[in-house]
Each structure stands twice: as C-alpha cells, then as structure tokens.
Amino acid sequence: MANLKASFDAAVAASKELPEKPDNQTLLQIYGLYKQATEGDNGGKRPGFTDMVGRMKFDAWAGLKGKSADEAMQEYIDLIESLK
C-alpha cells in the first residue's frame, strides 16, 4: 500500500507537468479518479443546471462509485503515465 501511495503521489505531481493539456474528457477522468482515490464514493448532491462544470465533475466522480481507493490510484497512475 505504501508503495502504491508513493506512486500515486508521484503521478499527482507529474499530472501538473504534462507536456500538453489533456482534452476535457480526460481531465474529467483524471479528476474522478483522484477524488475516488482520495475521498471514496461521492456522497454529495449533484450541482444544479446552472453549474455545468460542477455537474460534469460530479458525474465523473459518481461514475466510479464502488471502486476501491487502490483501484482508483492504480488507474490514475496508469492514465498519467499514458499521457507523458
């Protein structure tokens, strides 16, 4: 677990230094995986119609419901590695 956490932390740092900005769908995937890995299942209320960005972020995170923190961390690491 400690090794996975260290790799995850390294991937989070690497995500801020990618050679080019990922497309919006990939950014939402990165966001959802990060939130699932660090906070677990989304238990909040979905933002209203006027907050489209908030709704998309909420949906990206909520779509990962049930995924373990370890699974989310590994998928996050793999995604960031593929973007380097």
C-alpha atoms as a PDB file:
ATOM      1  CA  MET A   1       0.000   0.000   0.000  1.00  0.00           C
ATOM      2  CA  ALA A   2       2.797   2.431   0.885  1.00  0.00           C
ATOM      3  CA  ASN A   3       4.413   1.791  -2.499  1.00  0.00           C
ATOM      4  CA  LEU A   4       1.114   2.402  -4.326  1.00  0.00           C
ATOM      5  CA  LYS A   5       0.560   5.624  -2.343  1.00  0.00           C
ATOM      6  CA  ALA A   6       4.076   6.820  -3.206  1.00  0.00           C
ATOM      7  CA  SER A   7       3.490   6.055  -6.897  1.00  0.00           C
ATOM      8  CA  PHE A   8       0.121   7.828  -6.735  1.00  0.00           C
ATOM      9  CA  ASP A   9       1.685  10.915  -5.137  1.00  0.00           C
ATOM     10  CA  ALA A  10       4.359  10.924  -7.856  1.00  0.00           C
ATOM     11  CA  ALA A  11       1.662  10.665 -10.542  1.00  0.00           C
ATOM     12  CA  VAL A  12      -0.251  13.576  -8.981  1.00  0.00           C
ATOM     13  CA  ALA A  13       2.918  15.677  -9.169  1.00  0.00           C
ATOM     14  CA  ALA A  14       3.557  14.507 -12.746  1.00  0.00           C
ATOM     15  CA  SER A  15       0.000  15.440 -13.752  1.00  0.00           C
ATOM     16  CA  LYS A  16       0.882  19.089 -13.214  1.00  0.00           C
ATOM     17  CA  GLU A  17       3.820  18.843 -15.637  1.00  0.00           C
ATOM     18  CA  LEU A  18       2.339  17.015 -18.619  1.00  0.00           C
ATOM     19  CA  PRO A  19       3.789  18.040 -21.992  1.00  0.00           C
ATOM     20  CA  GLU A  20       0.350  19.178 -23.200  1.00  0.00           C
ATOM     21  CA  LYS A  21      -3.012  19.795 -21.580  1.00  0.00           C
ATOM     22  CA  PRO A  22      -5.316  16.771 -21.920  1.00  0.00           C
ATOM     23  CA  ASP A  23      -8.742  17.134 -23.531  1.00  0.00           C
ATOM     24  CA  ASN A  24     -11.734  17.867 -21.291  1.00  0.00           C
ATOM     25  CA  GLN A  25     -12.935  14.252 -21.166  1.00  0.00           C
ATOM     26  CA  THR A  26      -9.508  13.086 -19.989  1.00  0.00           C
ATOM     27  CA  LEU A  27      -9.353  15.902 -17.434  1.00  0.00           C
ATOM     28  CA  LEU A  28     -12.712  14.743 -16.045  1.00  0.00           C
ATOM     29  CA  GLN A  29     -11.402  11.186 -15.865  1.00  0.00           C
ATOM     30  CA  ILE A  30      -8.291  12.384 -14.000  1.00  0.00           C
ATOM     31  CA  TYR A  31     -10.485  14.382 -11.603  1.00  0.00           C
ATOM     32  CA  GLY A  32     -12.864  11.497 -10.932  1.00  0.00           C
ATOM     33  CA  LEU A  33     -10.074   9.010 -10.293  1.00  0.00           C
ATOM     34  CA  TYR A  34      -8.281  11.433  -7.977  1.00  0.00           C
ATOM     35  CA  LYS A  35     -11.412  12.109  -5.935  1.00  0.00           C
ATOM     36  CA  GLN A  36     -12.295   8.408  -5.741  1.00  0.00           C
ATOM     37  CA  ALA A  37      -8.755   7.531  -4.650  1.00  0.00           C
ATOM     38  CA  THR A  38      -8.541  10.238  -2.011  1.00  0.00           C
ATOM     39  CA  GLU A  39     -12.136  10.561  -0.730  1.00  0.00           C
ATOM     40  CA  GLY A  40     -14.001   7.401  -1.758  1.00  0.00           C
ATOM     41  CA  ASP A  41     -17.541   7.323  -3.121  1.00  0.00           C
ATOM     42  CA  ASN A  42     -19.188  10.643  -3.933  1.00  0.00           C
ATOM     43  CA  GLY A  43     -21.863  11.261  -1.341  1.00  0.00           C
ATOM     44  CA  GLY A  44     -22.654  14.850  -2.228  1.00  0.00           C
ATOM     45  CA  LYS A  45     -25.595  16.418  -4.000  1.00  0.00           C
ATOM     46  CA  ARG A  46     -25.427  16.920  -7.757  1.00  0.00           C
ATOM     47  CA  PRO A  47     -24.996  20.612  -8.659  1.00  0.00           C
ATOM     48  CA  GLY A  48     -27.854  22.427 -10.359  1.00  0.00           C
ATOM     49  CA  PHE A  49     -28.348  23.109 -14.071  1.00  0.00           C
ATOM     50  CA  THR A  50     -26.556  26.444 -13.944  1.00  0.00           C
ATOM     51  CA  ASP A  51     -23.280  24.812 -12.811  1.00  0.00           C
ATOM     52  CA  MET A  52     -22.408  22.726 -15.874  1.00  0.00           C
ATOM     53  CA  VAL A  53     -18.751  22.256 -14.941  1.00  0.00           C
ATOM     54  CA  GLY A  54     -19.712  21.193 -11.437  1.00  0.00           C
ATOM     55  CA  ARG A  55     -22.235  18.721 -12.840  1.00  0.00           C
ATOM     56  CA  MET A  56     -19.689  17.180 -15.197  1.00  0.00           C
ATOM     57  CA  LYS A  57     -17.137  16.842 -12.386  1.00  0.00           C
ATOM     58  CA  PHE A  58     -19.786  15.342 -10.089  1.00  0.00           C
ATOM     59  CA  ASP A  59     -20.804  12.820 -12.769  1.00  0.00           C
ATOM     60  CA  ALA A  60     -17.178  11.860 -13.488  1.00  0.00           C
ATOM     61  CA  TRP A  61     -16.630  11.096  -9.811  1.00  0.00           C
ATOM     62  CA  ALA A  62     -20.036   9.473  -9.208  1.00  0.00           C
ATOM     63  CA  GLY A  63     -19.431   7.135 -12.166  1.00  0.00           C
ATOM     64  CA  LEU A  64     -16.638   5.488 -10.181  1.00  0.00           C
ATOM     65  CA  LYS A  65     -18.851   4.574  -7.214  1.00  0.00           C
ATOM     66  CA  GLY A  66     -17.795   1.293  -5.643  1.00  0.00           C
ATOM     67  CA  LYS A  67     -14.249   1.377  -6.987  1.00  0.00           C
ATOM     68  CA  SER A  68     -11.694   0.861  -4.214  1.00  0.00           C
ATOM     69  CA  ALA A  69      -9.118   3.530  -3.418  1.00  0.00           C
ATOM     70  CA  ASP A  70      -6.328   1.171  -4.524  1.00  0.00           C
ATOM     71  CA  GLU A  71      -8.023   0.514  -7.882  1.00  0.00           C
ATOM     72  CA  ALA A  72      -8.599   4.231  -8.437  1.00  0.00           C
ATOM     73  CA  MET A  73      -4.981   5.034  -7.519  1.00  0.00           C
ATOM     74  CA  GLN A  74      -3.657   2.426  -9.960  1.00  0.00           C
ATOM     75  CA  GLU A  75      -5.922   3.639 -12.779  1.00  0.00           C
ATOM     76  CA  TYR A  76      -4.861   7.235 -12.067  1.00  0.00           C
ATOM     77  CA  ILE A  77      -1.170   6.247 -12.211  1.00  0.00           C
ATOM     78  CA  ASP A  78      -1.722   4.325 -15.485  1.00  0.00           C
ATOM     79  CA  LEU A  79      -3.625   7.238 -17.042  1.00  0.00           C
ATOM     80  CA  ILE A  80      -0.986   9.817 -16.145  1.00  0.00           C
ATOM     81  CA  GLU A  81       1.778   7.514 -17.423  1.00  0.00           C
ATOM     82  CA  SER A  82      -0.073   7.179 -20.759  1.00  0.00           C
ATOM     83  CA  LEU A  83      -0.208  10.981 -21.094  1.00  0.00           C
ATOM     84  CA  LYS A  84       3.515  11.586 -20.580  1.00  0.00           C
END
